[in-house]
Amino acid sequence: MTDEPTRVVGGAQPIFVQAPEAPRPRNNRGAAGAIGLLAALVFAALYLAATLGLALLTGRVASADLGQAALSALTTWGLWVPTVAFYLGFWFLGALINRGRWGHWVVWGLVVGVVAWAGHLLGVLFAAPFWMITARESFDLLQNNVLAPLAIVAFVLGRELTIWFGSWVSARGRRVSEINAEAQREYERTLEAGPQLSQR
């Protein structure tokens, strides 16, 4: 905002014409990050449930030991690496879409699903751990897990959660766009009203 003196009359103080500043458009990226955190927690809970369900079905865990297995899974790379990958994919997509429509989330949610799937594979490598096995063993491990049930679960969860939590981000984006439009209209009305004199 700039104040320009017009003139000085006698010993009076100068009179300033106050020029309004153009409003700065608000964005939706912070909200996408915050909503993404909630989506990531839901992803972790559902991915953990799928992990335990598969363990029960395959007989690797007995129903009596389910609680202990859940606690053990909470400290594994296999759970948190896909979760972090999903969050980063969601947040990055939100930063790109910003105030865009829900349709963008529906289409590009496939990318977040792929990122979550890649996170599953990375989690498998960390759990191995990859620094203690050969390159050939790492390759075989990845090959065996490309279409593993949990890899598919990670992809589906990444895709679906992005669509539904993306609708929340998109709804907020619409409100932000309305606020920006109203601020712009108010700015234009101020300009049309002409210069306002203020005594300093």
N, C-alpha and C. Protein backbone atom coordinates (compact mmCIF):
# COMPACT_ATOMS: atom_id res chain seq x y z
N MET A 1 0.84 -1.18 0.00
CA MET A 1 0.00 0.00 0.00
C MET A 1 0.88 1.23 0.00
N THR A 2 0.61 2.20 -0.90
CA THR A 2 1.44 3.39 -0.98
C THR A 2 0.60 4.61 -0.69
N ASP A 3 1.20 5.56 0.01
CA ASP A 3 0.56 6.84 0.29
C ASP A 3 1.34 7.92 -0.41
N GLU A 4 0.68 8.70 -1.28
CA GLU A 4 1.37 9.74 -2.03
C GLU A 4 0.83 11.10 -1.58
N PRO A 5 1.71 12.04 -1.18
CA PRO A 5 1.22 13.37 -0.78
C PRO A 5 0.71 14.13 -1.99
N THR A 6 -0.40 14.84 -1.83
CA THR A 6 -0.93 15.63 -2.94
C THR A 6 -0.42 17.07 -2.88
N ARG A 7 -0.63 17.75 -1.75
CA ARG A 7 -0.15 19.13 -1.66
C ARG A 7 -0.16 19.56 -0.21
N VAL A 8 0.49 20.65 0.08
CA VAL A 8 0.50 21.22 1.42
C VAL A 8 -0.12 22.60 1.34
N VAL A 9 -1.11 22.88 2.17
CA VAL A 9 -1.78 24.19 2.18
C VAL A 9 -1.39 24.90 3.46
N GLY A 10 -0.67 26.03 3.34
CA GLY A 10 -0.23 26.77 4.52
C GLY A 10 0.63 25.91 5.41
N GLY A 11 0.30 25.87 6.68
CA GLY A 11 1.07 25.04 7.62
C GLY A 11 0.39 23.72 7.92
N ALA A 12 -0.65 23.39 7.15
CA ALA A 12 -1.39 22.15 7.41
C ALA A 12 -0.56 20.93 7.02
N GLN A 13 -0.92 19.80 7.62
CA GLN A 13 -0.25 18.55 7.26
C GLN A 13 -0.63 18.15 5.84
N PRO A 14 0.26 17.37 5.16
CA PRO A 14 -0.08 16.94 3.80
C PRO A 14 -1.26 15.97 3.80
N ILE A 15 -2.00 16.00 2.72
CA ILE A 15 -3.11 15.07 2.53
C ILE A 15 -2.64 13.94 1.63
N PHE A 16 -2.91 12.70 2.01
CA PHE A 16 -2.43 11.53 1.29
C PHE A 16 -3.58 10.83 0.57
N VAL A 17 -3.27 10.33 -0.60
CA VAL A 17 -4.22 9.48 -1.33
C VAL A 17 -3.78 8.04 -1.12
N GLN A 18 -4.67 7.24 -0.57
CA GLN A 18 -4.33 5.86 -0.21
C GLN A 18 -4.70 4.91 -1.35
N ALA A 19 -3.68 4.21 -1.89
CA ALA A 19 -3.92 3.27 -2.98
C ALA A 19 -4.14 1.87 -2.42
N PRO A 20 -5.26 1.22 -2.72
CA PRO A 20 -5.52 -0.13 -2.17
C PRO A 20 -4.60 -1.17 -2.81
N GLU A 21 -4.26 -2.16 -2.01
CA GLU A 21 -3.45 -3.27 -2.52
C GLU A 21 -4.36 -4.34 -3.11
N ALA A 22 -3.90 -4.95 -4.18
CA ALA A 22 -4.65 -6.06 -4.77
C ALA A 22 -4.62 -7.25 -3.82
N PRO A 23 -5.73 -7.95 -3.65
CA PRO A 23 -5.74 -9.09 -2.71
C PRO A 23 -4.85 -10.24 -3.21
N ARG A 24 -4.21 -10.90 -2.28
CA ARG A 24 -3.39 -12.07 -2.64
C ARG A 24 -4.27 -13.31 -2.62
N PRO A 25 -4.32 -14.07 -3.71
CA PRO A 25 -5.16 -15.26 -3.73
C PRO A 25 -4.71 -16.29 -2.68
N ARG A 26 -5.66 -16.82 -1.95
CA ARG A 26 -5.36 -17.87 -0.97
C ARG A 26 -5.28 -19.21 -1.71
N ASN A 27 -4.41 -20.10 -1.21
CA ASN A 27 -4.31 -21.43 -1.84
C ASN A 27 -4.86 -22.49 -0.91
N ASN A 28 -4.84 -23.73 -1.37
CA ASN A 28 -5.46 -24.84 -0.65
C ASN A 28 -4.43 -25.91 -0.28
N ARG A 29 -3.14 -25.60 -0.44
CA ARG A 29 -2.11 -26.62 -0.27
C ARG A 29 -1.93 -27.06 1.18
N GLY A 30 -2.04 -26.11 2.10
CA GLY A 30 -1.92 -26.46 3.52
C GLY A 30 -3.02 -27.41 3.96
N ALA A 31 -4.24 -27.15 3.49
CA ALA A 31 -5.36 -28.03 3.82
C ALA A 31 -5.15 -29.42 3.24
N ALA A 32 -4.60 -29.48 2.02
CA ALA A 32 -4.33 -30.79 1.41
C ALA A 32 -3.34 -31.58 2.26
N GLY A 33 -2.33 -30.90 2.80
CA GLY A 33 -1.36 -31.58 3.67
C GLY A 33 -1.99 -32.08 4.95
N ALA A 34 -2.85 -31.25 5.58
CA ALA A 34 -3.49 -31.64 6.84
C ALA A 34 -4.49 -32.78 6.63
N ILE A 35 -5.30 -32.66 5.58
CA ILE A 35 -6.26 -33.73 5.28
C ILE A 35 -5.52 -35.00 4.88
N GLY A 36 -4.38 -34.83 4.20
CA GLY A 36 -3.56 -35.99 3.82
C GLY A 36 -3.06 -36.76 5.03
N LEU A 37 -2.77 -36.05 6.13
CA LEU A 37 -2.33 -36.74 7.36
C LEU A 37 -3.43 -37.66 7.88
N LEU A 38 -4.66 -37.16 7.88
CA LEU A 38 -5.78 -37.99 8.32
C LEU A 38 -5.98 -39.17 7.38
N ALA A 39 -5.87 -38.91 6.07
CA ALA A 39 -5.99 -39.99 5.10
C ALA A 39 -4.90 -41.04 5.30
N ALA A 40 -3.69 -40.60 5.65
CA ALA A 40 -2.58 -41.53 5.87
C ALA A 40 -2.83 -42.41 7.10
N LEU A 41 -3.44 -41.84 8.14
CA LEU A 41 -3.77 -42.64 9.33
C LEU A 41 -4.81 -43.70 8.98
N VAL A 42 -5.79 -43.33 8.17
CA VAL A 42 -6.80 -44.30 7.72
C VAL A 42 -6.13 -45.38 6.86
N PHE A 43 -5.22 -44.96 5.99
CA PHE A 43 -4.48 -45.91 5.16
C PHE A 43 -3.74 -46.91 6.05
N ALA A 44 -3.03 -46.41 7.07
CA ALA A 44 -2.26 -47.29 7.95
C ALA A 44 -3.17 -48.28 8.67
N ALA A 45 -4.33 -47.80 9.15
CA ALA A 45 -5.25 -48.68 9.88
C ALA A 45 -5.80 -49.78 8.96
N LEU A 46 -6.20 -49.40 7.74
CA LEU A 46 -6.76 -50.39 6.82
C LEU A 46 -5.68 -51.35 6.31
N TYR A 47 -4.49 -50.83 6.08
CA TYR A 47 -3.38 -51.68 5.61
C TYR A 47 -2.98 -52.67 6.70
N LEU A 48 -2.99 -52.21 7.95
CA LEU A 48 -2.70 -53.11 9.08
C LEU A 48 -3.77 -54.19 9.18
N ALA A 49 -5.04 -53.80 9.03
CA ALA A 49 -6.13 -54.76 9.09
C ALA A 49 -5.99 -55.81 7.99
N ALA A 50 -5.60 -55.37 6.78
CA ALA A 50 -5.40 -56.32 5.68
C ALA A 50 -4.23 -57.25 5.96
N THR A 51 -3.18 -56.71 6.54
CA THR A 51 -2.02 -57.53 6.88
C THR A 51 -2.39 -58.62 7.88
N LEU A 52 -3.13 -58.24 8.90
CA LEU A 52 -3.54 -59.21 9.92
C LEU A 52 -4.55 -60.21 9.35
N GLY A 53 -5.44 -59.72 8.50
CA GLY A 53 -6.42 -60.62 7.90
C GLY A 53 -5.76 -61.68 7.04
N LEU A 54 -4.77 -61.28 6.25
CA LEU A 54 -4.04 -62.24 5.42
C LEU A 54 -3.25 -63.22 6.27
N ALA A 55 -2.68 -62.72 7.36
CA ALA A 55 -1.93 -63.60 8.25
C ALA A 55 -2.84 -64.65 8.89
N LEU A 56 -4.07 -64.25 9.22
CA LEU A 56 -5.04 -65.21 9.77
C LEU A 56 -5.45 -66.24 8.72
N LEU A 57 -5.70 -65.77 7.50
CA LEU A 57 -6.13 -66.68 6.44
C LEU A 57 -5.07 -67.70 6.07
N THR A 58 -3.83 -67.27 6.10
CA THR A 58 -2.73 -68.18 5.72
C THR A 58 -2.24 -69.01 6.89
N GLY A 59 -2.75 -68.76 8.07
CA GLY A 59 -2.34 -69.54 9.24
C GLY A 59 -1.03 -69.09 9.86
N ARG A 60 -0.48 -67.96 9.44
CA ARG A 60 0.78 -67.50 10.03
C ARG A 60 0.57 -66.90 11.41
N VAL A 61 -0.68 -66.52 11.70
CA VAL A 61 -1.01 -65.97 13.02
C VAL A 61 -2.30 -66.62 13.48
N ALA A 62 -2.31 -67.06 14.74
CA ALA A 62 -3.53 -67.62 15.32
C ALA A 62 -4.39 -66.49 15.86
N SER A 63 -5.69 -66.72 15.91
CA SER A 63 -6.60 -65.67 16.37
C SER A 63 -6.30 -65.25 17.80
N ALA A 64 -5.79 -66.18 18.62
CA ALA A 64 -5.45 -65.84 20.00
C ALA A 64 -4.26 -64.89 20.08
N ASP A 65 -3.42 -64.91 19.06
CA ASP A 65 -2.22 -64.06 19.05
C ASP A 65 -2.41 -62.80 18.22
N LEU A 66 -3.62 -62.48 17.86
CA LEU A 66 -3.87 -61.37 16.95
C LEU A 66 -3.44 -60.03 17.56
N GLY A 67 -3.72 -59.84 18.84
CA GLY A 67 -3.35 -58.58 19.50
C GLY A 67 -1.84 -58.35 19.49
N GLN A 68 -1.11 -59.41 19.83
CA GLN A 68 0.34 -59.31 19.83
C GLN A 68 0.89 -59.08 18.42
N ALA A 69 0.27 -59.73 17.45
CA ALA A 69 0.71 -59.55 16.06
C ALA A 69 0.46 -58.11 15.60
N ALA A 70 -0.65 -57.52 16.05
CA ALA A 70 -0.95 -56.13 15.67
C ALA A 70 0.09 -55.18 16.27
N LEU A 71 0.44 -55.41 17.54
CA LEU A 71 1.45 -54.56 18.18
C LEU A 71 2.80 -54.71 17.50
N SER A 72 3.15 -55.92 17.12
CA SER A 72 4.42 -56.14 16.42
C SER A 72 4.43 -55.45 15.06
N ALA A 73 3.30 -55.51 14.36
CA ALA A 73 3.22 -54.91 13.03
C ALA A 73 3.37 -53.39 13.08
N LEU A 74 2.99 -52.78 14.21
CA LEU A 74 3.08 -51.33 14.34
C LEU A 74 4.51 -50.82 14.33
N THR A 75 5.47 -51.70 14.52
CA THR A 75 6.87 -51.28 14.57
C THR A 75 7.65 -51.74 13.34
N THR A 76 6.95 -52.11 12.28
CA THR A 76 7.64 -52.67 11.11
C THR A 76 7.74 -51.65 9.98
N TRP A 77 8.80 -51.83 9.18
CA TRP A 77 8.94 -51.04 7.96
C TRP A 77 7.78 -51.29 7.00
N GLY A 78 7.31 -52.55 7.00
CA GLY A 78 6.28 -52.95 6.05
C GLY A 78 4.99 -52.16 6.19
N LEU A 79 4.72 -51.61 7.38
CA LEU A 79 3.51 -50.80 7.58
C LEU A 79 3.76 -49.33 7.28
N TRP A 80 4.85 -48.79 7.78
CA TRP A 80 5.04 -47.34 7.74
C TRP A 80 5.62 -46.81 6.44
N VAL A 81 6.43 -47.62 5.75
CA VAL A 81 6.97 -47.13 4.46
C VAL A 81 5.85 -46.91 3.45
N PRO A 82 4.92 -47.85 3.26
CA PRO A 82 3.80 -47.58 2.34
C PRO A 82 2.93 -46.41 2.81
N THR A 83 2.76 -46.28 4.13
CA THR A 83 1.95 -45.18 4.67
C THR A 83 2.58 -43.83 4.35
N VAL A 84 3.89 -43.72 4.58
CA VAL A 84 4.59 -42.46 4.28
C VAL A 84 4.57 -42.19 2.78
N ALA A 85 4.76 -43.23 1.98
CA ALA A 85 4.71 -43.06 0.52
C ALA A 85 3.34 -42.56 0.09
N PHE A 86 2.28 -43.13 0.66
CA PHE A 86 0.92 -42.67 0.33
C PHE A 86 0.75 -41.21 0.70
N TYR A 87 1.19 -40.83 1.91
CA TYR A 87 1.03 -39.43 2.34
C TYR A 87 1.76 -38.47 1.40
N LEU A 88 3.00 -38.80 1.06
CA LEU A 88 3.76 -37.93 0.18
C LEU A 88 3.09 -37.80 -1.20
N GLY A 89 2.57 -38.93 -1.71
CA GLY A 89 1.87 -38.89 -2.98
C GLY A 89 0.62 -38.04 -2.91
N PHE A 90 -0.14 -38.19 -1.83
CA PHE A 90 -1.37 -37.42 -1.65
C PHE A 90 -1.06 -35.93 -1.53
N TRP A 91 -0.08 -35.60 -0.69
CA TRP A 91 0.26 -34.19 -0.49
C TRP A 91 0.78 -33.55 -1.78
N PHE A 92 1.62 -34.27 -2.51
CA PHE A 92 2.16 -33.72 -3.75
C PHE A 92 1.05 -33.48 -4.77
N LEU A 93 0.11 -34.43 -4.84
CA LEU A 93 -1.02 -34.27 -5.76
C LEU A 93 -1.86 -33.07 -5.34
N GLY A 94 -2.07 -32.92 -4.02
CA GLY A 94 -2.82 -31.78 -3.52
C GLY A 94 -2.15 -30.46 -3.84
N ALA A 95 -0.81 -30.44 -3.77
CA ALA A 95 -0.07 -29.22 -4.10
C ALA A 95 -0.23 -28.87 -5.57
N LEU A 96 -0.32 -29.88 -6.43
CA LEU A 96 -0.49 -29.64 -7.86
C LEU A 96 -1.92 -29.21 -8.19
N ILE A 97 -2.89 -29.92 -7.62
CA ILE A 97 -4.30 -29.62 -7.92
C ILE A 97 -4.74 -28.31 -7.27
N ASN A 98 -4.26 -28.07 -6.05
CA ASN A 98 -4.56 -26.85 -5.30
C ASN A 98 -6.07 -26.70 -5.12
N ARG A 99 -6.69 -25.76 -5.82
CA ARG A 99 -8.13 -25.52 -5.67
C ARG A 99 -8.93 -26.19 -6.78
N GLY A 100 -8.33 -27.15 -7.47
CA GLY A 100 -8.98 -27.80 -8.61
C GLY A 100 -10.18 -28.65 -8.22
N ARG A 101 -10.89 -29.09 -9.24
CA ARG A 101 -12.12 -29.87 -9.02
C ARG A 101 -11.82 -31.30 -8.61
N TRP A 102 -12.87 -31.95 -8.09
CA TRP A 102 -12.75 -33.33 -7.60
C TRP A 102 -12.37 -34.28 -8.72
N GLY A 103 -12.77 -33.98 -9.95
CA GLY A 103 -12.44 -34.84 -11.08
C GLY A 103 -10.95 -35.06 -11.23
N HIS A 104 -10.16 -34.05 -10.89
CA HIS A 104 -8.71 -34.22 -10.95
C HIS A 104 -8.24 -35.28 -9.96
N TRP A 105 -8.85 -35.29 -8.77
CA TRP A 105 -8.48 -36.29 -7.76
C TRP A 105 -8.87 -37.70 -8.22
N VAL A 106 -10.01 -37.79 -8.88
CA VAL A 106 -10.46 -39.10 -9.36
C VAL A 106 -9.50 -39.64 -10.41
N VAL A 107 -9.09 -38.80 -11.35
CA VAL A 107 -8.20 -39.24 -12.43
C VAL A 107 -6.79 -39.51 -11.91
N TRP A 108 -6.24 -38.53 -11.22
CA TRP A 108 -4.84 -38.64 -10.79
C TRP A 108 -4.65 -39.45 -9.52
N GLY A 109 -5.76 -39.90 -8.92
CA GLY A 109 -5.65 -40.80 -7.77
C GLY A 109 -4.94 -42.10 -8.14
N LEU A 110 -4.98 -42.45 -9.42
CA LEU A 110 -4.24 -43.63 -9.88
C LEU A 110 -2.75 -43.49 -9.60
N VAL A 111 -2.23 -42.27 -9.74
CA VAL A 111 -0.80 -42.04 -9.49
C VAL A 111 -0.48 -42.29 -8.02
N VAL A 112 -1.34 -41.82 -7.12
CA VAL A 112 -1.12 -42.05 -5.69
C VAL A 112 -1.21 -43.54 -5.37
N GLY A 113 -2.11 -44.25 -6.05
CA GLY A 113 -2.17 -45.70 -5.88
C GLY A 113 -0.87 -46.37 -6.28
N VAL A 114 -0.28 -45.92 -7.38
CA VAL A 114 1.01 -46.48 -7.82
C VAL A 114 2.11 -46.15 -6.81
N VAL A 115 2.07 -44.93 -6.28
CA VAL A 115 3.07 -44.53 -5.28
C VAL A 115 2.95 -45.41 -4.03
N ALA A 116 1.72 -45.68 -3.59
CA ALA A 116 1.51 -46.55 -2.42
C ALA A 116 1.98 -47.98 -2.71
N TRP A 117 1.71 -48.45 -3.93
CA TRP A 117 2.19 -49.78 -4.34
C TRP A 117 3.72 -49.82 -4.32
N ALA A 118 4.36 -48.79 -4.84
CA ALA A 118 5.83 -48.71 -4.80
C ALA A 118 6.32 -48.64 -3.37
N GLY A 119 5.54 -47.96 -2.50
CA GLY A 119 5.89 -47.91 -1.08
C GLY A 119 5.87 -49.28 -0.44
N HIS A 120 4.91 -50.12 -0.86
CA HIS A 120 4.88 -51.50 -0.36
C HIS A 120 6.16 -52.24 -0.73
N LEU A 121 6.58 -52.11 -2.00
CA LEU A 121 7.80 -52.78 -2.45
C LEU A 121 9.02 -52.25 -1.70
N LEU A 122 9.05 -50.95 -1.48
CA LEU A 122 10.17 -50.37 -0.74
C LEU A 122 10.17 -50.86 0.71
N GLY A 123 8.97 -50.99 1.27
CA GLY A 123 8.86 -51.52 2.64
C GLY A 123 9.37 -52.94 2.74
N VAL A 124 9.11 -53.75 1.71
CA VAL A 124 9.62 -55.12 1.67
C VAL A 124 11.15 -55.11 1.66
N LEU A 125 11.73 -54.20 0.89
CA LEU A 125 13.19 -54.11 0.83
C LEU A 125 13.77 -53.69 2.17
N PHE A 126 13.16 -52.72 2.81
CA PHE A 126 13.65 -52.27 4.12
C PHE A 126 13.51 -53.38 5.16
N ALA A 127 12.43 -54.15 5.07
CA ALA A 127 12.23 -55.23 6.04
C ALA A 127 13.20 -56.37 5.84
N ALA A 128 13.78 -56.50 4.66
CA ALA A 128 14.65 -57.64 4.34
C ALA A 128 15.84 -57.82 5.29
N PRO A 129 16.68 -56.86 5.64
CA PRO A 129 16.86 -55.52 5.06
C PRO A 129 17.76 -55.59 3.83
N PHE A 130 17.56 -54.64 2.90
CA PHE A 130 18.25 -54.71 1.61
C PHE A 130 19.76 -54.55 1.72
N TRP A 131 20.24 -53.89 2.79
CA TRP A 131 21.68 -53.69 2.92
C TRP A 131 22.42 -54.94 3.39
N MET A 132 21.66 -55.99 3.71
CA MET A 132 22.29 -57.23 4.18
C MET A 132 22.08 -58.38 3.20
N ILE A 133 21.51 -58.08 2.03
CA ILE A 133 21.31 -59.12 1.02
C ILE A 133 21.94 -58.66 -0.29
N THR A 134 22.10 -59.60 -1.20
CA THR A 134 22.72 -59.27 -2.48
C THR A 134 21.73 -58.58 -3.40
N ALA A 135 22.25 -57.98 -4.46
CA ALA A 135 21.39 -57.31 -5.44
C ALA A 135 20.44 -58.31 -6.09
N ARG A 136 20.93 -59.53 -6.33
CA ARG A 136 20.09 -60.56 -6.95
C ARG A 136 18.94 -60.94 -6.02
N GLU A 137 19.24 -61.06 -4.73
CA GLU A 137 18.20 -61.40 -3.76
C GLU A 137 17.18 -60.26 -3.65
N SER A 138 17.64 -59.03 -3.73
CA SER A 138 16.73 -57.89 -3.70
C SER A 138 15.80 -57.91 -4.90
N PHE A 139 16.37 -58.22 -6.08
CA PHE A 139 15.56 -58.28 -7.30
C PHE A 139 14.52 -59.38 -7.20
N ASP A 140 14.93 -60.55 -6.72
CA ASP A 140 13.99 -61.66 -6.57
C ASP A 140 12.87 -61.31 -5.59
N LEU A 141 13.24 -60.62 -4.52
CA LEU A 141 12.26 -60.22 -3.51
C LEU A 141 11.22 -59.28 -4.10
N LEU A 142 11.70 -58.31 -4.87
CA LEU A 142 10.77 -57.38 -5.52
C LEU A 142 9.88 -58.10 -6.53
N GLN A 143 10.49 -59.01 -7.30
CA GLN A 143 9.73 -59.74 -8.32
C GLN A 143 8.62 -60.57 -7.68
N ASN A 144 8.90 -61.15 -6.52
CA ASN A 144 7.91 -61.98 -5.84
C ASN A 144 6.80 -61.16 -5.19
N ASN A 145 7.01 -59.85 -5.04
CA ASN A 145 6.04 -59.02 -4.33
C ASN A 145 5.31 -58.02 -5.24
N VAL A 146 5.63 -58.02 -6.52
CA VAL A 146 5.01 -57.06 -7.43
C VAL A 146 3.49 -57.19 -7.43
N LEU A 147 2.99 -58.42 -7.44
CA LEU A 147 1.54 -58.65 -7.44
C LEU A 147 1.09 -59.41 -6.20
N ALA A 148 1.85 -59.24 -5.11
CA ALA A 148 1.47 -59.87 -3.84
C ALA A 148 0.16 -59.25 -3.34
N PRO A 149 -0.61 -59.99 -2.54
CA PRO A 149 -1.90 -59.44 -2.06
C PRO A 149 -1.78 -58.08 -1.38
N LEU A 150 -0.74 -57.92 -0.55
CA LEU A 150 -0.61 -56.63 0.14
C LEU A 150 -0.19 -55.51 -0.81
N ALA A 151 0.52 -55.84 -1.88
CA ALA A 151 0.86 -54.83 -2.88
C ALA A 151 -0.41 -54.32 -3.56
N ILE A 152 -1.32 -55.25 -3.87
CA ILE A 152 -2.59 -54.87 -4.49
C ILE A 152 -3.44 -54.07 -3.51
N VAL A 153 -3.43 -54.48 -2.23
CA VAL A 153 -4.16 -53.73 -1.20
C VAL A 153 -3.64 -52.30 -1.12
N ALA A 154 -2.32 -52.14 -1.13
CA ALA A 154 -1.72 -50.80 -1.05
C ALA A 154 -2.17 -49.94 -2.23
N PHE A 155 -2.18 -50.53 -3.42
CA PHE A 155 -2.61 -49.78 -4.61
C PHE A 155 -4.08 -49.36 -4.50
N VAL A 156 -4.93 -50.31 -4.12
CA VAL A 156 -6.38 -50.02 -4.05
C VAL A 156 -6.66 -48.98 -2.97
N LEU A 157 -6.03 -49.13 -1.80
CA LEU A 157 -6.24 -48.15 -0.73
C LEU A 157 -5.73 -46.77 -1.15
N GLY A 158 -4.56 -46.73 -1.77
CA GLY A 158 -4.02 -45.46 -2.21
C GLY A 158 -4.94 -44.75 -3.19
N ARG A 159 -5.48 -45.53 -4.10
CA ARG A 159 -6.39 -44.97 -5.11
C ARG A 159 -7.71 -44.50 -4.49
N GLU A 160 -8.35 -45.37 -3.71
CA GLU A 160 -9.68 -45.07 -3.19
C GLU A 160 -9.65 -43.96 -2.14
N LEU A 161 -8.68 -44.01 -1.24
CA LEU A 161 -8.60 -42.97 -0.20
C LEU A 161 -8.30 -41.61 -0.83
N THR A 162 -7.53 -41.60 -1.88
CA THR A 162 -7.25 -40.34 -2.57
C THR A 162 -8.52 -39.76 -3.16
N ILE A 163 -9.36 -40.60 -3.72
CA ILE A 163 -10.62 -40.12 -4.30
C ILE A 163 -11.51 -39.51 -3.23
N TRP A 164 -11.69 -40.22 -2.10
CA TRP A 164 -12.66 -39.75 -1.11
C TRP A 164 -12.13 -38.62 -0.25
N PHE A 165 -10.89 -38.69 0.17
CA PHE A 165 -10.34 -37.55 0.91
C PHE A 165 -10.06 -36.38 -0.02
N GLY A 166 -9.81 -36.68 -1.29
CA GLY A 166 -9.65 -35.61 -2.27
C GLY A 166 -10.92 -34.81 -2.46
N SER A 167 -12.07 -35.45 -2.28
CA SER A 167 -13.34 -34.72 -2.39
C SER A 167 -13.45 -33.67 -1.27
N TRP A 168 -12.89 -34.00 -0.11
CA TRP A 168 -12.88 -33.06 1.02
C TRP A 168 -11.97 -31.86 0.68
N VAL A 169 -10.78 -32.17 0.16
CA VAL A 169 -9.85 -31.10 -0.23
C VAL A 169 -10.48 -30.23 -1.31
N SER A 170 -11.14 -30.87 -2.27
CA SER A 170 -11.77 -30.14 -3.36
C SER A 170 -12.89 -29.24 -2.87
N ALA A 171 -13.69 -29.72 -1.90
CA ALA A 171 -14.77 -28.91 -1.36
C ALA A 171 -14.22 -27.67 -0.67
N ARG A 172 -13.14 -27.84 0.07
CA ARG A 172 -12.52 -26.68 0.70
C ARG A 172 -11.93 -25.75 -0.36
N GLY A 173 -11.38 -26.33 -1.42
CA GLY A 173 -10.84 -25.52 -2.50
C GLY A 173 -11.90 -24.62 -3.13
N ARG A 174 -13.12 -25.15 -3.26
CA ARG A 174 -14.21 -24.34 -3.81
C ARG A 174 -14.51 -23.15 -2.91
N ARG A 175 -14.50 -23.39 -1.59
CA ARG A 175 -14.76 -22.29 -0.66
C ARG A 175 -13.66 -21.24 -0.74
N VAL A 176 -12.41 -21.70 -0.84
CA VAL A 176 -11.29 -20.76 -0.95
C VAL A 176 -11.40 -19.95 -2.24
N SER A 177 -11.80 -20.61 -3.33
CA SER A 177 -11.98 -19.89 -4.59
C SER A 177 -13.07 -18.83 -4.48
N GLU A 178 -14.15 -19.14 -3.76
CA GLU A 178 -15.22 -18.16 -3.55
C GLU A 178 -14.72 -16.97 -2.73
N ILE A 179 -13.92 -17.27 -1.70
CA ILE A 179 -13.35 -16.19 -0.87
C ILE A 179 -12.44 -15.31 -1.73
N ASN A 180 -11.62 -15.93 -2.57
CA ASN A 180 -10.74 -15.16 -3.44
C ASN A 180 -11.52 -14.29 -4.41
N ALA A 181 -12.60 -14.86 -4.97
CA ALA A 181 -13.41 -14.11 -5.92
C ALA A 181 -14.08 -12.92 -5.25
N GLU A 182 -14.58 -13.12 -4.03
CA GLU A 182 -15.22 -12.02 -3.31
C GLU A 182 -14.20 -10.93 -2.96
N ALA A 183 -12.99 -11.34 -2.57
CA ALA A 183 -11.94 -10.35 -2.26
C ALA A 183 -11.58 -9.55 -3.51
N GLN A 184 -11.54 -10.22 -4.67
CA GLN A 184 -11.24 -9.53 -5.92
C GLN A 184 -12.36 -8.55 -6.29
N ARG A 185 -13.61 -8.97 -6.08
CA ARG A 185 -14.74 -8.08 -6.37
C ARG A 185 -14.72 -6.84 -5.47
N GLU A 186 -14.39 -7.07 -4.20
CA GLU A 186 -14.30 -5.95 -3.26
C GLU A 186 -13.19 -4.99 -3.66
N TYR A 187 -12.09 -5.53 -4.12
CA TYR A 187 -10.96 -4.71 -4.59
C TYR A 187 -11.37 -3.88 -5.80
N GLU A 188 -12.09 -4.51 -6.73
CA GLU A 188 -12.53 -3.78 -7.92
C GLU A 188 -13.55 -2.69 -7.57
N ARG A 189 -14.44 -2.97 -6.59
CA ARG A 189 -15.39 -1.95 -6.15
C ARG A 189 -14.66 -0.76 -5.53
N THR A 190 -13.60 -1.06 -4.78
CA THR A 190 -12.82 0.01 -4.16
C THR A 190 -12.15 0.88 -5.22
N LEU A 191 -11.63 0.25 -6.26
CA LEU A 191 -11.00 1.01 -7.34
C LEU A 191 -12.01 1.88 -8.07
N GLU A 192 -13.20 1.32 -8.30
CA GLU A 192 -14.24 2.08 -9.00
C GLU A 192 -14.72 3.27 -8.19
N ALA A 193 -14.64 3.15 -6.85
CA ALA A 193 -15.10 4.24 -5.99
C ALA A 193 -14.17 5.45 -6.06
N GLY A 194 -12.98 5.25 -6.60
CA GLY A 194 -12.05 6.37 -6.76
C GLY A 194 -11.16 6.53 -5.55
N PRO A 195 -10.21 7.47 -5.62
CA PRO A 195 -9.25 7.67 -4.52
C PRO A 195 -9.93 8.19 -3.27
N GLN A 196 -9.47 7.71 -2.14
CA GLN A 196 -9.99 8.13 -0.84
C GLN A 196 -8.93 8.99 -0.16
N LEU A 197 -9.36 10.16 0.36
CA LEU A 197 -8.42 11.05 1.03
C LEU A 197 -8.38 10.76 2.52
N SER A 198 -7.18 10.73 3.04
CA SER A 198 -7.02 10.51 4.48
C SER A 198 -6.09 11.56 5.05
N GLN A 199 -6.44 12.13 6.20
CA GLN A 199 -5.62 13.17 6.84
C GLN A 199 -4.65 12.51 7.79
N ARG A 200 -3.36 12.77 7.62
CA ARG A 200 -2.33 12.22 8.51
C ARG A 200 -1.82 13.31 9.44
